């Protein structure tokens, strides 16, 4: 096996108005996809890279910074379950007055934030542990963010919400997978962004791992929906529906997101399963904050969510498929 590199970007986000591209370093993948190869701690990345793309033909690396471990790391038997390990996704704010950025850690099960991604050395703080979201449907706190395979991360166009999917725990709890599988949750980040560069939120006490940050500007958990997938996969990717239909039947881009979709999938082979291949839809708003859209049903089984495990498609009998990337689209002809 060749020598490991130091950069393994997975998540990428761009703010063209700021001339910035952000990439989160994931893991040395060739040491990760084979079940007989141990994932060493030093190959589980903790770094975020910021690139200056103001000159599109000549991008430059501006900074490489590390996210910190949190209070749960000291309790984890396996170092790769510490909060800072395996940074899978990154998400940027959108409005001109905001310069903040988020990253999430796959095996670390935490969300980090920096208020200004344009400075020479961004400073990261943990602002939520996935354990807090798990407690909404497992109140005893027995499920934690360590090894929970947190995935897709996105900020709504109006900078009000942060959406996050979690595939489900890979830790040997000795419990059935229908207990330890994934979820999708929503955070209200308005107070965090309103703090500007003086934001106070930081998950640095063990109690905050379970109950959320104590500081008044910490993200508020709006809602959580468990997604049961017993295949060792889970909700890996997602998308926001940022279109709204107008009175004349055309569409326009919206700043308010009313629904999101997720796809249950992960790497096949090395982990014993690759998701149950469903695409699920979730509505935002109401007393629950976020809820599965039970009208979005499989036309074959009649169950909520649409399964890609089928023989026939409109374009032919091509068999089962794995939904990975998800995107809401409308045609140019009806977009105004």
Protein backbone atom coordinates (compact mmCIF):
# COMPACT_ATOMS: atom_id res chain seq x y z
CA UNK A 1 0.00 0.00 0.00
CA UNK A 2 1.34 3.43 -0.90
CA UNK A 3 2.01 6.12 1.64
CA UNK A 4 -1.02 8.03 2.94
CA UNK A 5 -1.66 11.56 1.79
CA UNK A 6 -2.74 14.37 4.07
CA UNK A 7 -5.72 15.71 2.10
CA UNK A 8 -8.86 13.69 1.46
CA UNK A 9 -11.63 16.17 0.57
CA UNK A 10 -15.20 14.88 0.62
CA UNK A 11 -17.61 17.77 1.21
CA UNK A 12 -17.24 20.90 -0.92
CA UNK A 13 -19.12 24.20 -0.69
CA UNK A 14 -18.68 27.46 -2.59
CA UNK A 15 -19.46 31.14 -1.94
CA UNK A 16 -18.82 32.78 -5.28
CA UNK A 17 -19.55 36.25 -3.90
CA UNK A 18 -16.73 35.79 -1.38
CA UNK A 19 -14.39 34.03 -3.81
CA UNK A 20 -14.18 31.08 -1.40
CA UNK A 21 -14.37 27.30 -1.73
CA UNK A 22 -14.33 25.09 1.38
CA UNK A 23 -13.46 21.38 1.45
CA UNK A 24 -13.66 19.05 4.45
CA UNK A 25 -11.03 16.31 4.73
CA UNK A 26 -12.63 12.89 5.16
CA UNK A 27 -10.41 9.83 5.53
CA UNK A 28 -7.71 7.95 3.64
CA UNK A 29 -10.32 6.07 1.63
CA UNK A 30 -8.11 3.22 0.44
CA UNK A 31 -7.59 2.30 4.11
CA UNK A 32 -11.30 2.54 4.81
CA UNK A 33 -13.19 0.52 2.20
CA UNK A 34 -11.59 -2.86 2.88
CA UNK A 35 -12.97 -4.73 5.90
CA UNK A 36 -9.62 -6.39 6.69
CA UNK A 37 -7.70 -3.08 6.97
CA UNK A 38 -7.71 -1.26 10.28
CA UNK A 39 -8.59 2.42 10.10
CA UNK A 40 -5.74 4.11 11.95
CA UNK A 41 -6.48 7.19 13.99
CA UNK A 42 -4.00 9.27 12.00
CA UNK A 43 -5.92 8.51 8.79
CA UNK A 44 -9.21 9.82 10.20
CA UNK A 45 -9.00 13.45 9.13
CA UNK A 46 -9.77 16.51 11.27
CA UNK A 47 -8.97 19.32 8.83
CA UNK A 48 -10.83 21.86 6.71
CA UNK A 49 -9.28 23.48 3.64
CA UNK A 50 -10.22 26.93 2.33
CA UNK A 51 -9.37 27.95 -1.23
CA UNK A 52 -9.28 31.39 -2.79
CA UNK A 53 -11.15 31.04 -6.10
CA UNK A 54 -11.38 34.72 -7.00
CA UNK A 55 -9.21 33.87 -9.99
CA UNK A 56 -11.11 30.87 -11.37
CA UNK A 57 -8.16 29.80 -13.54
CA UNK A 58 -5.68 29.91 -10.66
CA UNK A 59 -7.20 28.87 -7.28
CA UNK A 60 -4.97 29.08 -4.23
CA UNK A 61 -5.02 27.22 -0.93
CA UNK A 62 -5.67 29.84 1.71
CA UNK A 63 -5.76 27.84 4.95
CA UNK A 64 -5.79 24.38 6.52
CA UNK A 65 -7.34 24.36 9.99
CA UNK A 66 -8.29 21.63 12.46
CA UNK A 67 -11.58 21.22 14.30
CA UNK A 68 -11.29 20.45 18.03
CA UNK A 69 -12.34 17.40 19.99
CA UNK A 70 -15.19 17.87 22.43
CA UNK A 71 -16.00 16.59 25.91
CA UNK A 72 -17.19 13.16 24.67
CA UNK A 73 -13.83 12.22 23.08
CA UNK A 74 -12.25 11.29 26.41
CA UNK A 75 -14.99 8.72 27.01
CA UNK A 76 -14.70 6.96 23.66
CA UNK A 77 -12.81 3.66 23.64
CA UNK A 78 -11.91 4.10 19.97
CA UNK A 79 -10.18 7.43 19.15
CA UNK A 80 -11.86 7.65 15.74
CA UNK A 81 -15.19 8.20 17.53
CA UNK A 82 -13.90 11.46 18.97
CA UNK A 83 -15.92 14.48 17.81
CA UNK A 84 -13.31 15.83 15.42
CA UNK A 85 -12.77 12.69 13.31
CA UNK A 86 -13.65 12.07 9.65
CA UNK A 87 -15.08 15.37 8.39
CA UNK A 88 -17.60 14.36 5.77
CA UNK A 89 -19.66 17.44 4.85
CA UNK A 90 -19.43 21.20 4.87
CA UNK A 91 -22.06 23.88 4.37
CA UNK A 92 -21.81 27.65 3.93
CA UNK A 93 -24.19 30.43 4.81
CA UNK A 94 -25.77 32.30 1.90
CA UNK A 95 -26.75 35.89 2.68
CA UNK A 96 -24.28 38.71 1.92
CA UNK A 97 -23.99 39.74 5.57
CA UNK A 98 -23.01 36.27 6.72
CA UNK A 99 -19.61 34.58 6.31
CA UNK A 100 -20.07 31.56 8.55
CA UNK A 101 -19.39 27.92 7.70
CA UNK A 102 -20.34 24.54 9.16
CA UNK A 103 -18.71 21.11 8.98
CA UNK A 104 -19.90 17.75 10.31
CA UNK A 105 -17.86 14.73 11.36
CA UNK A 106 -18.91 11.27 10.20
CA UNK A 107 -17.44 9.08 12.94
CA UNK A 108 -17.33 12.00 15.37
CA UNK A 109 -21.06 12.75 15.25
CA UNK A 110 -20.74 16.50 15.80
CA UNK A 111 -21.38 19.80 14.01
CA UNK A 112 -18.79 22.61 14.05
CA UNK A 113 -19.05 26.30 13.15
CA UNK A 114 -16.77 29.20 12.35
CA UNK A 115 -18.28 32.69 12.05
CA UNK A 116 -15.94 33.97 9.31
CA UNK A 117 -14.52 31.56 6.74
CA UNK A 118 -12.66 34.38 4.98
CA UNK A 119 -10.10 35.07 7.73
CA UNK A 120 -6.56 33.67 7.34
CA UNK A 121 -7.05 31.05 10.11
CA UNK A 122 -10.72 30.21 10.80
CA UNK A 123 -11.45 29.12 14.37
CA UNK A 124 -13.88 26.21 14.78
CA UNK A 125 -16.16 25.44 17.71
CA UNK A 126 -18.48 22.50 18.22
CA UNK A 127 -22.08 23.78 18.31
CA UNK A 128 -24.06 20.51 18.51
CA UNK A 129 -23.45 16.85 19.30
CA UNK A 130 -25.76 14.42 17.46
CA UNK A 131 -26.44 12.89 20.87
CA UNK A 132 -28.80 15.80 21.56
CA UNK A 133 -30.92 14.87 18.55
CA UNK A 134 -30.86 11.16 19.44
CA UNK A 135 -32.32 11.98 22.85
CA UNK A 136 -35.56 13.14 21.23
CA UNK A 137 -36.44 9.52 20.50
CA UNK A 138 -34.08 7.72 22.92
CA UNK A 139 -34.42 9.85 26.09
CA UNK A 140 -32.11 7.66 28.17
CA UNK A 141 -29.07 9.00 26.28
CA UNK A 142 -27.84 5.52 25.38
CA UNK A 143 -27.27 6.48 21.74
CA UNK A 144 -24.48 8.99 21.21
CA UNK A 145 -22.90 10.71 18.25
CA UNK A 146 -19.75 8.58 18.43
CA UNK A 147 -19.57 6.47 15.27
CA UNK A 148 -23.05 7.50 14.12
CA UNK A 149 -22.05 8.16 10.49
CA UNK A 150 -23.37 11.69 10.22
CA UNK A 151 -23.68 12.82 6.61
CA UNK A 152 -25.42 15.46 4.49
CA UNK A 153 -25.33 19.05 5.79
CA UNK A 154 -26.99 22.12 4.24
CA UNK A 155 -28.00 25.68 5.15
CA UNK A 156 -31.36 26.95 3.91
CA UNK A 157 -31.16 29.83 1.40
CA UNK A 158 -32.53 32.28 3.99
CA UNK A 159 -29.85 31.23 6.53
CA UNK A 160 -32.52 30.24 9.03
CA UNK A 161 -32.07 26.47 9.21
CA UNK A 162 -29.32 23.87 9.10
CA UNK A 163 -30.38 20.43 7.81
CA UNK A 164 -28.47 17.31 8.75
CA UNK A 165 -28.78 13.58 8.08
CA UNK A 166 -27.26 10.78 10.14
CA UNK A 167 -26.92 7.27 8.71
CA UNK A 168 -26.86 5.49 12.06
CA UNK A 169 -24.46 4.10 14.58
CA UNK A 170 -21.66 1.75 13.58
CA UNK A 171 -20.59 1.13 17.16
CA UNK A 172 -21.02 -2.37 18.63
CA UNK A 173 -23.93 -1.56 20.93
CA UNK A 174 -25.08 -5.17 20.80
CA UNK A 175 -28.57 -3.93 19.95
CA UNK A 176 -30.76 -4.43 16.88
CA UNK A 177 -30.16 -2.03 14.00
CA UNK A 178 -33.74 -0.80 14.06
CA UNK A 179 -32.78 0.91 17.32
CA UNK A 180 -29.44 2.36 16.26
CA UNK A 181 -30.12 3.52 12.70
CA UNK A 182 -30.34 7.00 11.33
CA UNK A 183 -32.26 10.26 11.43
CA UNK A 184 -32.73 13.65 9.85
CA UNK A 185 -32.87 16.76 12.02
CA UNK A 186 -33.23 20.53 11.67
CA UNK A 187 -31.49 23.28 13.62
CA UNK A 188 -32.54 26.92 13.91
CA UNK A 189 -29.26 28.84 13.49
CA UNK A 190 -30.57 32.43 13.49
CA UNK A 191 -29.17 33.37 16.91
CA UNK A 192 -25.82 31.76 16.12
CA UNK A 193 -25.42 33.81 12.96
CA UNK A 194 -26.72 36.98 14.61
CA UNK A 195 -23.76 36.85 17.00
CA UNK A 196 -21.38 37.57 14.14
CA UNK A 197 -17.74 37.06 15.07
CA UNK A 198 -18.62 37.37 18.76
CA UNK A 199 -20.61 34.14 18.90
CA UNK A 200 -20.35 32.35 22.26
CA UNK A 201 -21.73 28.87 21.56
CA UNK A 202 -19.33 26.02 22.35
CA UNK A 203 -20.05 22.43 23.35
CA UNK A 204 -17.33 22.04 25.97
CA UNK A 205 -19.13 20.33 28.86
CA UNK A 206 -20.39 16.75 28.95
CA UNK A 207 -23.92 17.86 29.87
CA UNK A 208 -24.07 19.88 26.62
CA UNK A 209 -23.41 16.70 24.64
CA UNK A 210 -26.78 15.39 25.78
CA UNK A 211 -28.83 18.56 26.25
CA UNK A 212 -27.43 21.04 23.74
CA UNK A 213 -25.30 24.10 24.28
CA UNK A 214 -25.85 26.31 27.33
CA UNK A 215 -25.02 29.57 25.58
CA UNK A 216 -28.03 31.56 24.37
CA UNK A 217 -26.81 31.69 20.76
CA UNK A 218 -26.43 27.92 20.36
CA UNK A 219 -28.52 26.31 17.60
CA UNK A 220 -32.00 25.25 18.65
CA UNK A 221 -33.20 21.77 17.70
CA UNK A 222 -36.38 22.34 15.69
CA UNK A 223 -37.24 18.72 15.01
CA UNK A 224 -35.91 15.19 14.51
CA UNK A 225 -37.26 12.21 12.57
CA UNK A 226 -35.72 8.74 12.99
CA UNK A 227 -35.19 6.87 9.71
CA UNK A 228 -35.16 3.12 10.27
CA UNK A 229 -32.79 1.29 7.93
CA UNK A 230 -31.57 -2.09 9.13
CA UNK A 231 -29.01 -2.67 6.35
CA UNK A 232 -25.97 -0.91 7.90
CA UNK A 233 -26.68 1.93 5.49
CA UNK A 234 -28.94 4.88 6.14
CA UNK A 235 -29.83 8.42 5.05
CA UNK A 236 -26.55 9.42 3.47
CA UNK A 237 -27.51 12.31 1.22
CA UNK A 238 -30.25 14.90 0.91
CA UNK A 239 -31.53 17.96 -0.92
CA UNK A 240 -33.63 21.05 -0.20
CA UNK A 241 -36.60 21.92 -2.38
CA UNK A 242 -35.85 25.57 -3.09
CA UNK A 243 -38.55 26.13 -5.72
CA UNK A 244 -42.08 27.42 -5.30
CA UNK A 245 -44.94 27.41 -7.77
CA UNK A 246 -46.47 30.74 -8.73
CA UNK A 247 -50.07 31.65 -9.60
CA UNK A 248 -49.51 31.12 -13.34
CA UNK A 249 -48.04 27.63 -12.99
CA UNK A 250 -44.41 28.65 -13.38
CA UNK A 251 -41.71 28.30 -10.71
CA UNK A 252 -39.27 30.61 -9.03
CA UNK A 253 -36.38 30.07 -6.65
CA UNK A 254 -37.46 30.46 -3.04
CA UNK A 255 -35.53 31.45 0.06
CA UNK A 256 -37.84 29.47 2.35
CA UNK A 257 -37.49 25.69 2.23
CA UNK A 258 -40.71 23.73 2.76
CA UNK A 259 -39.44 20.19 2.24
CA UNK A 260 -36.30 18.09 1.97
CA UNK A 261 -35.55 14.66 0.52
CA UNK A 262 -33.08 12.03 1.71
CA UNK A 263 -31.55 8.94 0.06
CA UNK A 264 -30.68 5.79 2.03
CA UNK A 265 -27.38 4.49 0.72
CA UNK A 266 -23.77 3.88 1.66
CA UNK A 267 -20.73 1.94 0.44
CA UNK A 268 -21.49 -1.68 -0.36
CA UNK A 269 -19.23 -4.57 0.58
CA UNK A 270 -16.93 -3.34 3.30
CA UNK A 271 -19.67 -2.56 5.80
CA UNK A 272 -22.09 -5.42 5.32
CA UNK A 273 -24.77 -3.38 3.57
CA UNK A 274 -25.37 -0.28 1.51
CA UNK A 275 -28.69 1.15 2.58
CA UNK A 276 -32.23 0.08 1.78
CA UNK A 277 -32.23 2.28 -1.34
CA UNK A 278 -35.24 4.42 -0.40
CA UNK A 279 -35.79 8.08 -1.17
CA UNK A 280 -37.91 9.74 1.52
CA UNK A 281 -39.60 13.14 1.63
CA UNK A 282 -40.01 15.38 4.68
CA UNK A 283 -42.17 18.46 5.20
CA UNK A 284 -41.02 21.41 7.29
CA UNK A 285 -43.18 23.43 9.63
CA UNK A 286 -46.04 22.54 11.94
CA UNK A 287 -45.78 21.56 15.58
CA UNK A 288 -43.24 18.79 14.89
CA UNK A 289 -40.86 21.06 12.99
CA UNK A 290 -40.15 18.32 10.46
CA UNK A 291 -42.23 15.25 9.58
CA UNK A 292 -42.14 12.52 6.97
CA UNK A 293 -44.41 13.18 4.01
CA UNK A 294 -46.55 10.05 4.03
CA UNK A 295 -48.16 11.05 0.73
CA UNK A 296 -44.83 10.39 -1.00
CA UNK A 297 -45.35 6.63 -1.38
CA UNK A 298 -43.95 3.77 -3.37
CA UNK A 299 -46.39 2.91 -6.16
CA UNK A 300 -45.60 -0.80 -5.80
CA UNK A 301 -45.55 -1.37 -2.02
CA UNK A 302 -47.78 1.54 -1.01
CA UNK A 303 -45.39 2.36 1.86
CA UNK A 304 -44.05 5.87 2.55
CA UNK A 305 -40.78 6.61 0.67
CA UNK A 306 -39.94 5.30 -2.80
CA UNK A 307 -37.78 2.20 -3.10
CA UNK A 308 -35.19 1.88 -5.86
CA UNK A 309 -35.14 -1.89 -5.39
CA UNK A 310 -37.30 -2.88 -8.35
CA UNK A 311 -37.05 -4.72 -11.63
CA UNK A 312 -38.68 -2.24 -13.98
CA UNK A 313 -38.36 1.49 -14.60
CA UNK A 314 -40.04 3.82 -17.10
CA UNK A 315 -36.96 3.46 -19.30
CA UNK A 316 -36.79 -0.34 -19.11
CA UNK A 317 -36.07 -3.43 -16.99
CA UNK A 318 -32.75 -2.41 -15.50
CA UNK A 319 -33.17 -3.75 -11.99
CA UNK A 320 -32.20 -2.35 -8.61
CA UNK A 321 -30.44 1.00 -8.27
CA UNK A 322 -28.72 2.94 -5.49
CA UNK A 323 -29.97 6.52 -5.02
CA UNK A 324 -27.01 8.64 -3.95
CA UNK A 325 -27.15 12.28 -5.02
CA UNK A 326 -30.54 13.99 -4.71
CA UNK A 327 -31.63 17.18 -6.46
CA UNK A 328 -34.86 19.11 -6.93
CA UNK A 329 -35.14 20.50 -10.47
CA UNK A 330 -37.58 22.32 -12.73
CA UNK A 331 -37.16 22.85 -16.46
CA UNK A 332 -35.84 26.13 -17.81
CA UNK A 333 -39.07 26.63 -19.66
CA UNK A 334 -41.11 27.07 -16.47
CA UNK A 335 -38.51 28.82 -14.28
CA UNK A 336 -39.05 32.54 -13.82
